Amino acid sequence: MNAVDDTPVLEVRDLKMHFPIRAGLLKRVVNHVQAVDGISFQVAPGETLGLVGESGCGKSTVGRLIVRLFRPSAGSILFEGQDIAGLDGPALTAVRRKVQMIFQDPYASLNPRFRVQELVAEAYRVHSRDPAWREHVEQILDRVGLQSHHLRRYPHEFSGGQRQRIGIARALAMQPRLIVADEPVSALDVSIQAQVINLLDALKAEFGFSILFIAHDLAVVEHIADRVAVMYLGRMMELASDRDLYLSPKHPYTEALISAVPKAQAGARRRERIILRGDVPSPINPPRGCRFHTRCPRVMPECSEVEPVMREVAPRHWVACHLHGGAP
């Protein structure tokens, strides 16, 4: 799986999202939750970038920033060369036609009072004003494995996997250039997960859009991503091609995550399981230096004092770790 072009459809530069914490009668800001704290990456046309990490690391916040459900605290979000971080009104609406999102819970993200034809067609009818919208919706439903008689049904009449297919159809209806998939299979059975992953991969090949695939399960990401970015406590730890990351992880946190991935294939090489000690620190008051040093099995004195920077330690393989010369 290789990207078809090196020119990014999405480029994120030093992106930050600090949520204010308010207290007292006057609701003054007393602190901030540093959900995302200065990450950078690119997504090429036709590429799937996997964004992984433990719960609470900020990866879902990144997805919501990119579709501009949140306005970032700092940094830039370049979509097709245009910085959309500060857009509002009609300009933002125009961008959202090309950037769509698939949510984690396929039931909660679908209005239970709308039929499928309304759920899938609503945005398309508003933005395109196409009188042949019904034919368009039927074609999209067919692409995701549903049939025209499903148009008149409500979300509660479908299984979880079918609901997620409706969510995919809704995103696909706008013919996007980029789809942000936020844990799209985590609420589904394992057998259904494989079907949805294969469907997204086939649709990407057919329509040529890019995917930012957000997940905590590295076994799932391995089957769909061209490259994988690893986040921890609001920061980027490692970024590499899927093959390089899984075969030769450089960051101790990535090594621990991959060691927990079960290997079902006969003869697969077993990795020694790395057990991380302690809990993830609070994003309100993250540790100095490397944010992973409080749990790192290979911690060094400088890790608690100096923050490592992302460095290219092999071709297209980036890591932020003092083990690989991560000091500024």
C-alpha atoms as a PDB file:
ATOM      1  CA  MET A   1       0.000   0.000   0.000  1.00  0.00           C
ATOM      2  CA  ASN A   2       1.759   3.139  -1.189  1.00  0.00           C
ATOM      3  CA  ALA A   3       0.601   6.720  -1.481  1.00  0.00           C
ATOM      4  CA  VAL A   4       0.130   7.849  -5.068  1.00  0.00           C
ATOM      5  CA  ASP A   5       1.690  11.299  -4.607  1.00  0.00           C
ATOM      6  CA  ASP A   6       4.105  13.036  -2.253  1.00  0.00           C
ATOM      7  CA  THR A   7       2.139  16.323  -2.277  1.00  0.00           C
ATOM      8  CA  PRO A   8       0.117  16.298   0.970  1.00  0.00           C
ATOM      9  CA  VAL A   9      -3.647  16.652   0.920  1.00  0.00           C
ATOM     10  CA  LEU A  10      -3.343  17.423   4.654  1.00  0.00           C
ATOM     11  CA  GLU A  11      -0.436  18.957   6.537  1.00  0.00           C
ATOM     12  CA  VAL A  12      -0.597  19.602  10.276  1.00  0.00           C
ATOM     13  CA  ARG A  13       2.034  21.879  11.798  1.00  0.00           C
ATOM     14  CA  ASP A  14       2.639  22.254  15.535  1.00  0.00           C
ATOM     15  CA  LEU A  15      -1.048  21.668  16.296  1.00  0.00           C
ATOM     16  CA  LYS A  16      -2.237  22.353  19.842  1.00  0.00           C
ATOM     17  CA  MET A  17      -5.542  22.048  21.664  1.00  0.00           C
ATOM     18  CA  HIS A  18      -5.555  23.183  25.299  1.00  0.00           C
ATOM     19  CA  PHE A  19      -9.007  22.999  26.873  1.00  0.00           C
ATOM     20  CA  PRO A  20      -9.523  25.608  29.620  1.00  0.00           C
ATOM     21  CA  ILE A  21     -10.467  24.530  33.137  1.00  0.00           C
ATOM     22  CA  ARG A  22     -12.722  27.066  34.815  1.00  0.00           C
ATOM     23  CA  ALA A  23     -13.489  27.369  38.534  1.00  0.00           C
ATOM     24  CA  GLY A  24     -15.045  29.739  41.037  1.00  0.00           C
ATOM     25  CA  LEU A  25     -18.058  31.993  40.832  1.00  0.00           C
ATOM     26  CA  LEU A  26     -16.567  33.993  37.985  1.00  0.00           C
ATOM     27  CA  LYS A  27     -15.550  30.843  36.091  1.00  0.00           C
ATOM     28  CA  ARG A  28     -12.012  32.039  35.651  1.00  0.00           C
ATOM     29  CA  VAL A  29      -9.522  29.885  33.784  1.00  0.00           C
ATOM     30  CA  VAL A  30      -7.338  28.201  36.396  1.00  0.00           C
ATOM     31  CA  ASN A  31      -5.555  25.648  34.212  1.00  0.00           C
ATOM     32  CA  HIS A  32      -5.646  23.818  30.895  1.00  0.00           C
ATOM     33  CA  VAL A  33      -5.977  20.225  29.705  1.00  0.00           C
ATOM     34  CA  GLN A  34      -3.187  19.822  27.159  1.00  0.00           C
ATOM     35  CA  ALA A  35      -5.048  17.336  24.979  1.00  0.00           C
ATOM     36  CA  VAL A  36      -2.876  17.991  21.913  1.00  0.00           C
ATOM     37  CA  ASP A  37       0.408  19.767  22.444  1.00  0.00           C
ATOM     38  CA  GLY A  38       2.389  20.457  19.290  1.00  0.00           C
ATOM     39  CA  ILE A  39       2.141  17.634  16.772  1.00  0.00           C
ATOM     40  CA  SER A  40       3.003  17.685  13.068  1.00  0.00           C
ATOM     41  CA  PHE A  41       2.325  15.214  10.262  1.00  0.00           C
ATOM     42  CA  GLN A  42       1.212  14.932   6.632  1.00  0.00           C
ATOM     43  CA  VAL A  43      -1.255  12.794   4.706  1.00  0.00           C
ATOM     44  CA  ALA A  44      -0.637  12.271   0.979  1.00  0.00           C
ATOM     45  CA  PRO A  45      -3.401  11.826  -1.621  1.00  0.00           C
ATOM     46  CA  GLY A  46      -4.608   8.235  -1.635  1.00  0.00           C
ATOM     47  CA  GLU A  47      -2.766   7.439   1.612  1.00  0.00           C
ATOM     48  CA  THR A  48      -4.069   5.966   4.846  1.00  0.00           C
ATOM     49  CA  LEU A  49      -2.289   7.304   7.923  1.00  0.00           C
ATOM     50  CA  GLY A  50      -2.967   5.401  11.125  1.00  0.00           C
ATOM     51  CA  LEU A  51      -2.971   7.455  14.340  1.00  0.00           C
ATOM     52  CA  VAL A  52      -2.622   5.212  17.382  1.00  0.00           C
ATOM     53  CA  GLY A  53      -2.164   5.456  21.126  1.00  0.00           C
ATOM     54  CA  GLU A  54      -3.783   4.676  24.450  1.00  0.00           C
ATOM     55  CA  SER A  55      -7.136   6.140  25.471  1.00  0.00           C
ATOM     56  CA  GLY A  56      -6.743   9.769  26.482  1.00  0.00           C
ATOM     57  CA  CYS A  57      -3.622  10.428  24.395  1.00  0.00           C
ATOM     58  CA  GLY A  58      -5.414  13.071  22.297  1.00  0.00           C
ATOM     59  CA  LYS A  59      -5.827  11.200  19.011  1.00  0.00           C
ATOM     60  CA  SER A  60      -9.617  11.700  18.792  1.00  0.00           C
ATOM     61  CA  THR A  61      -9.129  15.398  19.548  1.00  0.00           C
ATOM     62  CA  VAL A  62      -6.773  15.561  16.556  1.00  0.00           C
ATOM     63  CA  GLY A  63      -9.525  14.135  14.353  1.00  0.00           C
ATOM     64  CA  ARG A  64     -12.049  16.669  15.581  1.00  0.00           C
ATOM     65  CA  LEU A  65      -9.593  19.489  15.031  1.00  0.00           C
ATOM     66  CA  ILE A  66      -9.026  18.457  11.434  1.00  0.00           C
ATOM     67  CA  VAL A  67     -12.755  18.483  10.618  1.00  0.00           C
ATOM     68  CA  ARG A  68     -12.932  21.720  12.622  1.00  0.00           C
ATOM     69  CA  LEU A  69     -15.371  20.603  15.283  1.00  0.00           C
ATOM     70  CA  PHE A  70     -12.864  22.419  17.527  1.00  0.00           C
ATOM     71  CA  ARG A  71     -10.850  25.541  16.799  1.00  0.00           C
ATOM     72  CA  PRO A  72      -7.209  24.786  17.657  1.00  0.00           C
ATOM     73  CA  SER A  73      -5.399  26.740  20.365  1.00  0.00           C
ATOM     74  CA  ALA A  74      -2.364  27.086  18.087  1.00  0.00           C
ATOM     75  CA  GLY A  75      -0.780  25.656  14.977  1.00  0.00           C
ATOM     76  CA  SER A  76      -1.965  25.252  11.413  1.00  0.00           C
ATOM     77  CA  ILE A  77      -4.074  22.731   9.500  1.00  0.00           C
ATOM     78  CA  LEU A  78      -3.286  22.921   5.802  1.00  0.00           C
ATOM     79  CA  PHE A  79      -5.892  21.196   3.646  1.00  0.00           C
ATOM     80  CA  GLU A  80      -4.931  21.217  -0.025  1.00  0.00           C
ATOM     81  CA  GLY A  81      -2.555  24.083   0.782  1.00  0.00           C
ATOM     82  CA  GLN A  82      -5.138  26.243   2.579  1.00  0.00           C
ATOM     83  CA  ASP A  83      -4.862  26.867   6.314  1.00  0.00           C
ATOM     84  CA  ILE A  84      -8.308  25.992   7.672  1.00  0.00           C
ATOM     85  CA  ALA A  85      -7.441  26.404  11.368  1.00  0.00           C
ATOM     86  CA  GLY A  86      -9.028  29.863  11.580  1.00  0.00           C
ATOM     87  CA  LEU A  87     -11.798  29.520   8.994  1.00  0.00           C
ATOM     88  CA  ASP A  88     -15.419  30.220   9.828  1.00  0.00           C
ATOM     89  CA  GLY A  89     -18.770  30.626   8.113  1.00  0.00           C
ATOM     90  CA  PRO A  90     -19.122  29.854   4.377  1.00  0.00           C
ATOM     91  CA  ALA A  91     -15.376  29.287   3.917  1.00  0.00           C
ATOM     92  CA  LEU A  92     -15.396  26.539   6.554  1.00  0.00           C
ATOM     93  CA  THR A  93     -18.579  25.027   5.103  1.00  0.00           C
ATOM     94  CA  ALA A  94     -16.878  24.754   1.712  1.00  0.00           C
ATOM     95  CA  VAL A  95     -13.953  22.856   3.241  1.00  0.00           C
ATOM     96  CA  ARG A  96     -16.247  20.477   5.117  1.00  0.00           C
ATOM     97  CA  ARG A  97     -17.660  19.268   1.818  1.00  0.00           C
ATOM     98  CA  LYS A  98     -14.250  17.757   1.139  1.00  0.00           C
ATOM     99  CA  VAL A  99     -13.368  16.605   4.676  1.00  0.00           C
ATOM    100  CA  GLN A 100     -15.788  14.110   6.203  1.00  0.00           C
ATOM    101  CA  MET A 101     -15.780  12.108   9.433  1.00  0.00           C
ATOM    102  CA  ILE A 102     -16.815   8.579  10.412  1.00  0.00           C
ATOM    103  CA  PHE A 103     -17.531   8.354  14.121  1.00  0.00           C
ATOM    104  CA  GLN A 104     -16.839   5.586  16.624  1.00  0.00           C
ATOM    105  CA  ASP A 105     -20.414   4.799  17.656  1.00  0.00           C
ATOM    106  CA  PRO A 106     -22.466   4.129  14.516  1.00  0.00           C
ATOM    107  CA  TYR A 107     -25.749   4.451  16.412  1.00  0.00           C
ATOM    108  CA  ALA A 108     -25.084   7.605  18.426  1.00  0.00           C
ATOM    109  CA  SER A 109     -23.832   9.397  15.297  1.00  0.00           C
ATOM    110  CA  LEU A 110     -27.060   8.716  13.354  1.00  0.00           C
ATOM    111  CA  ASN A 111     -30.209  10.739  14.067  1.00  0.00           C
ATOM    112  CA  PRO A 112     -32.785   8.089  15.131  1.00  0.00           C
ATOM    113  CA  ARG A 113     -35.649  10.173  13.703  1.00  0.00           C
ATOM    114  CA  PHE A 114     -34.226  10.193  10.167  1.00  0.00           C
ATOM    115  CA  ARG A 115     -34.552   7.437   7.619  1.00  0.00           C
ATOM    116  CA  VAL A 116     -31.463   6.229   5.812  1.00  0.00           C
ATOM    117  CA  GLN A 117     -32.231   8.239   2.671  1.00  0.00           C
ATOM    118  CA  GLU A 118     -32.371  11.435   4.769  1.00  0.00           C
ATOM    119  CA  LEU A 119     -29.213  10.576   6.722  1.00  0.00           C
ATOM    120  CA  VAL A 120     -27.151   9.929   3.610  1.00  0.00           C
ATOM    121  CA  ALA A 121     -28.698  12.555   1.331  1.00  0.00           C
ATOM    122  CA  GLU A 122     -29.079  15.540   3.680  1.00  0.00           C
ATOM    123  CA  ALA A 123     -25.674  17.181   3.192  1.00  0.00           C
ATOM    124  CA  TYR A 124     -25.497  16.206  -0.486  1.00  0.00           C
ATOM    125  CA  ARG A 125     -28.889  17.799  -1.234  1.00  0.00           C
ATOM    126  CA  VAL A 126     -27.976  21.009   0.588  1.00  0.00           C
ATOM    127  CA  HIS A 127     -24.562  21.482  -1.019  1.00  0.00           C
ATOM    128  CA  SER A 128     -25.046  20.095  -4.531  1.00  0.00           C
ATOM    129  CA  ARG A 129     -28.752  20.865  -5.168  1.00  0.00           C
ATOM    130  CA  ASP A 130     -28.745  17.823  -7.450  1.00  0.00           C
ATOM    131  CA  PRO A 131     -32.312  16.829  -8.468  1.00  0.00           C
ATOM    132  CA  ALA A 132     -31.045  13.292  -9.022  1.00  0.00           C
ATOM    133  CA  TRP A 133     -30.013  12.963  -5.380  1.00  0.00           C
ATOM    134  CA  ARG A 134     -31.984   9.741  -4.871  1.00  0.00           C
ATOM    135  CA  GLU A 135     -30.054   7.955  -7.628  1.00  0.00           C
ATOM    136  CA  HIS A 136     -26.801   9.225  -6.105  1.00  0.00           C
ATOM    137  CA  VAL A 137     -27.789   7.892  -2.670  1.00  0.00           C
ATOM    138  CA  GLU A 138     -28.761   4.505  -4.110  1.00  0.00           C
ATOM    139  CA  GLN A 139     -25.381   4.262  -5.841  1.00  0.00           C
ATOM    140  CA  ILE A 140     -23.547   5.096  -2.618  1.00  0.00           C
ATOM    141  CA  LEU A 141     -25.563   2.544  -0.649  1.00  0.00           C
ATOM    142  CA  ASP A 142     -24.740  -0.078  -3.240  1.00  0.00           C
ATOM    143  CA  ARG A 143     -21.032   0.767  -2.909  1.00  0.00           C
ATOM    144  CA  VAL A 144     -21.109   0.129   0.855  1.00  0.00           C
ATOM    145  CA  GLY A 145     -23.053  -3.139   0.559  1.00  0.00           C
ATOM    146  CA  LEU A 146     -26.610  -1.964   1.281  1.00  0.00           C
ATOM    147  CA  GLN A 147     -29.651  -2.029  -1.006  1.00  0.00           C
ATOM    148  CA  SER A 148     -32.261   0.471  -2.167  1.00  0.00           C
ATOM    149  CA  HIS A 149     -34.998  -1.004   0.043  1.00  0.00           C
ATOM    150  CA  HIS A 150     -32.927   0.093   3.071  1.00  0.00           C
ATOM    151  CA  LEU A 151     -33.626   3.735   2.192  1.00  0.00           C
ATOM    152  CA  ARG A 152     -36.926   3.802   4.075  1.00  0.00           C
ATOM    153  CA  ARG A 153     -35.631   2.210   7.263  1.00  0.00           C
ATOM    154  CA  TYR A 154     -34.507   3.851  10.510  1.00  0.00           C
ATOM    155  CA  PRO A 155     -31.118   3.300  12.213  1.00  0.00           C
ATOM    156  CA  HIS A 156     -32.528   1.058  14.951  1.00  0.00           C
ATOM    157  CA  GLU A 157     -33.576  -1.472  12.302  1.00  0.00           C
ATOM    158  CA  PHE A 158     -29.952  -2.236  11.399  1.00  0.00           C
ATOM    159  CA  SER A 159     -27.118  -4.179  12.997  1.00  0.00           C
ATOM    160  CA  GLY A 160     -24.001  -2.415  14.249  1.00  0.00           C
ATOM    161  CA  GLY A 161     -22.037  -3.264  11.125  1.00  0.00           C
ATOM    162  CA  GLN A 162     -24.843  -2.038   8.867  1.00  0.00           C
ATOM    163  CA  ARG A 163     -25.072   1.207  10.829  1.00  0.00           C
ATOM    164  CA  GLN A 164     -21.380   1.830  10.322  1.00  0.00           C
ATOM    165  CA  ARG A 165     -21.874   1.214   6.601  1.00  0.00           C
ATOM    166  CA  ILE A 166     -24.538   3.926   6.678  1.00  0.00           C
ATOM    167  CA  GLY A 167     -22.034   6.221   8.388  1.00  0.00           C
ATOM    168  CA  ILE A 168     -19.507   5.451   5.661  1.00  0.00           C
ATOM    169  CA  ALA A 169     -22.132   6.105   2.980  1.00  0.00           C
ATOM    170  CA  ARG A 170     -22.980   9.458   4.560  1.00  0.00           C
ATOM    171  CA  ALA A 171     -19.318  10.478   4.492  1.00  0.00           C
ATOM    172  CA  LEU A 172     -18.850   9.172   0.953  1.00  0.00           C
ATOM    173  CA  ALA A 173     -21.907  11.019  -0.410  1.00  0.00           C
ATOM    174  CA  MET A 174     -20.020  14.312  -0.459  1.00  0.00           C
ATOM    175  CA  GLN A 175     -17.206  12.806  -2.561  1.00  0.00           C
ATOM    176  CA  PRO A 176     -14.564  13.880  -0.022  1.00  0.00           C
ATOM    177  CA  ARG A 177     -10.823  14.230  -0.513  1.00  0.00           C
ATOM    178  CA  LEU A 178     -10.144  13.223   3.102  1.00  0.00           C
ATOM    179  CA  ILE A 179     -12.042  10.994   5.544  1.00  0.00           C
ATOM    180  CA  VAL A 180     -11.262  11.100   9.269  1.00  0.00           C
ATOM    181  CA  ALA A 181     -12.241   7.709  10.704  1.00  0.00           C
ATOM    182  CA  ASP A 182     -12.340   7.917  14.501  1.00  0.00           C
ATOM    183  CA  GLU A 183     -12.203   4.387  15.943  1.00  0.00           C
ATOM    184  CA  PRO A 184     -14.675   3.240  13.255  1.00  0.00           C
ATOM    185  CA  VAL A 185     -14.560  -0.474  14.162  1.00  0.00           C
ATOM    186  CA  SER A 186     -13.933  -0.482  17.922  1.00  0.00           C
ATOM    187  CA  ALA A 187     -17.649  -0.916  18.721  1.00  0.00           C
ATOM    188  CA  LEU A 188     -18.064  -3.847  16.294  1.00  0.00           C
ATOM    189  CA  ASP A 189     -17.524  -7.584  16.572  1.00  0.00           C
ATOM    190  CA  VAL A 190     -14.167  -8.846  15.321  1.00  0.00           C
ATOM    191  CA  SER A 191     -15.644 -10.540  12.243  1.00  0.00           C
ATOM    192  CA  ILE A 192     -17.498  -7.352  11.302  1.00  0.00           C
ATOM    193  CA  GLN A 193     -14.369  -5.266  11.905  1.00  0.00           C
ATOM    194  CA  ALA A 194     -12.575  -7.084   9.094  1.00  0.00           C
ATOM    195  CA  GLN A 195     -15.482  -6.453   6.705  1.00  0.00           C
ATOM    196  CA  VAL A 196     -15.527  -2.715   7.451  1.00  0.00           C
ATOM    197  CA  ILE A 197     -11.733  -2.427   7.148  1.00  0.00           C
ATOM    198  CA  ASN A 198     -11.793  -4.196   3.781  1.00  0.00           C
ATOM    199  CA  LEU A 199     -14.675  -1.985   2.651  1.00  0.00           C
ATOM    200  CA  LEU A 200     -12.817   1.237   3.526  1.00  0.00           C
ATOM    201  CA  ASP A 201      -9.709   0.016   1.756  1.00  0.00           C
ATOM    202  CA  ALA A 202     -11.685  -0.895  -1.377  1.00  0.00           C
ATOM    203  CA  LEU A 203     -13.544   2.434  -1.399  1.00  0.00           C
ATOM    204  CA  LYS A 204     -10.277   4.341  -1.022  1.00  0.00           C
ATOM    205  CA  ALA A 205      -8.858   2.514  -4.031  1.00  0.00           C
ATOM    206  CA  GLU A 206     -12.000   3.237  -6.059  1.00  0.00           C
ATOM    207  CA  PHE A 207     -12.565   6.883  -5.192  1.00  0.00           C
ATOM    208  CA  GLY A 208      -9.009   8.002  -4.414  1.00  0.00           C
ATOM    209  CA  PHE A 209      -9.608   9.783  -1.108  1.00  0.00           C
ATOM    210  CA  SER A 210      -7.187   9.782   1.823  1.00  0.00           C
ATOM    211  CA  ILE A 211      -7.910   8.426   5.293  1.00  0.00           C
ATOM    212  CA  LEU A 212      -6.762   9.464   8.743  1.00  0.00           C
ATOM    213  CA  PHE A 213      -7.537   6.239  10.615  1.00  0.00           C
ATOM    214  CA  ILE A 214      -7.642   6.773  14.391  1.00  0.00           C
ATOM    215  CA  ALA A 215      -7.477   3.675  16.600  1.00  0.00           C
ATOM    216  CA  HIS A 216      -6.018   2.203  19.770  1.00  0.00           C
ATOM    217  CA  ASP A 217      -5.724  -1.305  18.307  1.00  0.00           C
ATOM    218  CA  LEU A 218      -2.465  -1.699  16.401  1.00  0.00           C
ATOM    219  CA  ALA A 219      -3.600  -5.048  15.000  1.00  0.00           C
ATOM    220  CA  VAL A 220      -6.431  -3.262  13.175  1.00  0.00           C
ATOM    221  CA  VAL A 221      -4.228  -0.409  11.954  1.00  0.00           C
ATOM    222  CA  GLU A 222      -1.650  -2.854  10.582  1.00  0.00           C
ATOM    223  CA  HIS A 223      -4.145  -4.076   7.968  1.00  0.00           C
ATOM    224  CA  ILE A 224      -5.149  -0.703   6.532  1.00  0.00           C
ATOM    225  CA  ALA A 225      -2.448   1.924   7.131  1.00  0.00           C
ATOM    226  CA  ASP A 226       0.336   2.947   4.760  1.00  0.00           C
ATOM    227  CA  ARG A 227       2.084   4.837   7.573  1.00  0.00           C
ATOM    228  CA  VAL A 228       1.502   4.894  11.332  1.00  0.00           C
ATOM    229  CA  ALA A 229       1.885   7.752  13.805  1.00  0.00           C
ATOM    230  CA  VAL A 230       2.109   6.960  17.525  1.00  0.00           C
ATOM    231  CA  MET A 231       0.835   9.472  20.093  1.00  0.00           C
ATOM    232  CA  TYR A 232       1.321   9.635  23.847  1.00  0.00           C
ATOM    233  CA  LEU A 233      -0.102  12.285  26.167  1.00  0.00           C
ATOM    234  CA  GLY A 234      -0.682  14.860  23.447  1.00  0.00           C
ATOM    235  CA  ARG A 235       2.686  14.424  21.717  1.00  0.00           C
ATOM    236  CA  MET A 236       3.962  12.468  18.731  1.00  0.00           C
ATOM    237  CA  MET A 237       6.385   9.700  19.654  1.00  0.00           C
ATOM    238  CA  GLU A 238       7.070   7.967  16.338  1.00  0.00           C
ATOM    239  CA  LEU A 239       6.068   8.104  12.669  1.00  0.00           C
ATOM    240  CA  ALA A 240       7.006   5.542  10.035  1.00  0.00           C
ATOM    241  CA  SER A 241       5.688   3.250   7.318  1.00  0.00           C
ATOM    242  CA  ASP A 242       3.559   0.416   8.641  1.00  0.00           C
ATOM    243  CA  ARG A 243       6.216  -2.164   7.751  1.00  0.00           C
ATOM    244  CA  ASP A 244       9.082  -0.250   9.384  1.00  0.00           C
ATOM    245  CA  LEU A 245       7.089   0.542  12.496  1.00  0.00           C
ATOM    246  CA  TYR A 246       5.966  -3.034  13.124  1.00  0.00           C
ATOM    247  CA  LEU A 247       9.251  -4.701  12.183  1.00  0.00           C
ATOM    248  CA  SER A 248      11.639  -2.152  13.671  1.00  0.00           C
ATOM    249  CA  PRO A 249      10.028   0.160  16.252  1.00  0.00           C
ATOM    250  CA  LYS A 250      12.425   2.773  17.635  1.00  0.00           C
ATOM    251  CA  HIS A 251      10.551   4.295  20.577  1.00  0.00           C
ATOM    252  CA  PRO A 252      10.151   2.273  23.810  1.00  0.00           C
ATOM    253  CA  TYR A 253       6.463   3.207  23.913  1.00  0.00           C
ATOM    254  CA  THR A 254       5.916   1.867  20.390  1.00  0.00           C
ATOM    255  CA  GLU A 255       7.805  -1.301  21.327  1.00  0.00           C
ATOM    256  CA  ALA A 256       5.471  -1.805  24.291  1.00  0.00           C
ATOM    257  CA  LEU A 257       2.362  -1.285  22.184  1.00  0.00           C
ATOM    258  CA  ILE A 258       3.499  -3.702  19.491  1.00  0.00           C
ATOM    259  CA  SER A 259       4.540  -6.319  22.040  1.00  0.00           C
ATOM    260  CA  ALA A 260       0.904  -6.456  23.175  1.00  0.00           C
ATOM    261  CA  VAL A 261      -0.418  -7.262  19.681  1.00  0.00           C
ATOM    262  CA  PRO A 262      -1.344 -10.962  19.519  1.00  0.00           C
ATOM    263  CA  LYS A 263       0.159 -13.024  16.687  1.00  0.00           C
ATOM    264  CA  ALA A 264      -2.260 -15.677  15.436  1.00  0.00           C
ATOM    265  CA  GLN A 265      -0.275 -16.818  12.396  1.00  0.00           C
ATOM    266  CA  ALA A 266       1.529 -20.131  12.653  1.00  0.00           C
ATOM    267  CA  GLY A 267       5.254 -19.587  12.943  1.00  0.00           C
ATOM    268  CA  ALA A 268       4.936 -15.858  13.633  1.00  0.00           C
ATOM    269  CA  ARG A 269       7.883 -14.461  15.563  1.00  0.00           C
ATOM    270  CA  ARG A 270       6.882 -13.784  19.157  1.00  0.00           C
ATOM    271  CA  ARG A 271       7.909 -10.547  20.827  1.00  0.00           C
ATOM    272  CA  GLU A 272       8.702 -10.457  24.494  1.00  0.00           C
ATOM    273  CA  ARG A 273       5.769  -8.760  26.206  1.00  0.00           C
ATOM    274  CA  ILE A 274       6.716  -5.367  27.655  1.00  0.00           C
ATOM    275  CA  ILE A 275       4.623  -4.438  30.694  1.00  0.00           C
ATOM    276  CA  LEU A 276       4.444  -0.704  31.330  1.00  0.00           C
ATOM    277  CA  ARG A 277       4.385   0.270  34.984  1.00  0.00           C
ATOM    278  CA  GLY A 278       2.296   3.058  36.472  1.00  0.00           C
ATOM    279  CA  ASP A 279      -0.510   5.136  35.019  1.00  0.00           C
ATOM    280  CA  VAL A 280      -0.591   7.686  32.245  1.00  0.00           C
ATOM    281  CA  PRO A 281       0.146  11.127  33.806  1.00  0.00           C
ATOM    282  CA  SER A 282      -2.484  13.835  33.809  1.00  0.00           C
ATOM    283  CA  PRO A 283      -2.631  16.025  30.681  1.00  0.00           C
ATOM    284  CA  ILE A 284      -3.315  18.943  33.038  1.00  0.00           C
ATOM    285  CA  ASN A 285       0.196  18.728  34.471  1.00  0.00           C
ATOM    286  CA  PRO A 286       2.309  16.556  32.156  1.00  0.00           C
ATOM    287  CA  PRO A 287       5.868  15.558  33.146  1.00  0.00           C
ATOM    288  CA  ARG A 288       8.885  17.637  32.182  1.00  0.00           C
ATOM    289  CA  GLY A 289      11.183  16.355  29.475  1.00  0.00           C
ATOM    290  CA  CYS A 290       9.925  13.307  27.628  1.00  0.00           C
ATOM    291  CA  ARG A 291       6.320  12.717  28.619  1.00  0.00           C
ATOM    292  CA  PHE A 292       6.848   8.971  28.576  1.00  0.00           C
ATOM    293  CA  HIS A 293       9.819   8.934  30.960  1.00  0.00           C
ATOM    294  CA  THR A 294       7.708   8.146  34.063  1.00  0.00           C
ATOM    295  CA  ARG A 295       6.796   4.749  32.557  1.00  0.00           C
ATOM    296  CA  CYS A 296       9.717   4.079  30.229  1.00  0.00           C
ATOM    297  CA  PRO A 297      11.700   0.867  30.892  1.00  0.00           C
ATOM    298  CA  ARG A 298      14.812   2.443  29.289  1.00  0.00           C
ATOM    299  CA  VAL A 299      14.687   5.860  30.942  1.00  0.00           C
ATOM    300  CA  MET A 300      17.903   7.936  31.146  1.00  0.00           C
ATOM    301  CA  PRO A 301      18.706  10.991  33.319  1.00  0.00           C
ATOM    302  CA  GLU A 302      18.172  13.491  30.483  1.00  0.00           C
ATOM    303  CA  CYS A 303      14.692  12.088  29.774  1.00  0.00           C
ATOM    304  CA  SER A 304      13.246  13.852  32.825  1.00  0.00           C
ATOM    305  CA  GLU A 305      14.850  17.196  31.967  1.00  0.00           C
ATOM    306  CA  VAL A 306      15.088  17.661  28.196  1.00  0.00           C
ATOM    307  CA  GLU A 307      12.193  17.239  25.807  1.00  0.00           C
ATOM    308  CA  PRO A 308      13.217  15.120  22.785  1.00  0.00           C
ATOM    309  CA  VAL A 309      12.450  16.370  19.278  1.00  0.00           C
ATOM    310  CA  MET A 310      11.338  14.365  16.265  1.00  0.00           C
ATOM    311  CA  ARG A 311      14.330  13.217  14.242  1.00  0.00           C
ATOM    312  CA  GLU A 312      14.582  11.151  11.069  1.00  0.00           C
ATOM    313  CA  VAL A 313      16.595   8.127  12.230  1.00  0.00           C
ATOM    314  CA  ALA A 314      16.038   6.136   9.007  1.00  0.00           C
ATOM    315  CA  PRO A 315      14.500   7.039   5.636  1.00  0.00           C
ATOM    316  CA  ARG A 316      10.952   8.340   6.386  1.00  0.00           C
ATOM    317  CA  HIS A 317      11.188   6.986   9.943  1.00  0.00           C
ATOM    318  CA  TRP A 318      10.862   9.674  12.620  1.00  0.00           C
ATOM    319  CA  VAL A 319      11.133   9.281  16.382  1.00  0.00           C
ATOM    320  CA  ALA A 320      11.263  11.574  19.431  1.00  0.00           C
ATOM    321  CA  CYS A 321      13.558   9.750  21.850  1.00  0.00           C
ATOM    322  CA  HIS A 322      16.930  10.425  23.521  1.00  0.00           C
ATOM    323  CA  LEU A 323      17.986   6.876  22.667  1.00  0.00           C
ATOM    324  CA  HIS A 324      18.232   8.098  19.078  1.00  0.00           C
ATOM    325  CA  GLY A 325      19.768  11.523  19.625  1.00  0.00           C
ATOM    326  CA  GLY A 326      16.481  13.213  20.489  1.00  0.00           C
ATOM    327  CA  ALA A 327      17.943  16.232  22.262  1.00  0.00           C
ATOM    328  CA  PRO A 328      17.665  19.612  20.478  1.00  0.00           C
END
